[in-house]
């Protein structure tokens, strides 16, 4: 049997780990807010860099994803479309464009980019689920159901597909 000091030490360690985990999630939240502020503050620098090298996909991607993060959707779409023109099979760009159009209630455009994504990666259940939601929004229930059922067939544990199918 363990001694009382050993058990007490164990409890203190467990509590310390629990408190640390709570703190770390709060710290991540604050870091995300700091990153958004720092992007806004440093935006002129990114723009200057892009003016000097308009073909630099890494800089343009950084600008696009940060516009997305601060909900400047039209600017994000503009930059992602330029990235798409230079590399039309880039999955990250295709998914971001689909998601941006989804977030701005442009369901038909979102579906176009989700379809392009699925032609390259047919296993992406999240994209198929988002595309189904777009079809639901467009009152095309049969298409939405077909996509969701296919998702469940591919991954029975895809909870969002089950949820969307039940709505």
Foldseek 3Di string as FASTA:
>chain_A
DDDPVVVVVVVVVVVVVVVVVVVVVVVVVVVLVVVLVVCVVCVVVLVVVCVVPVPPLVSLQVVLVSCVVVVVLVSNLVSLVVVCVVPVLPLVSLQVNLVSCLVVLVLVRSLVSLVSNCVVVVLPLVSLQSNLVSCVVVVVNVSSLVSLVVSCVSPVPPVSSVVVNVD
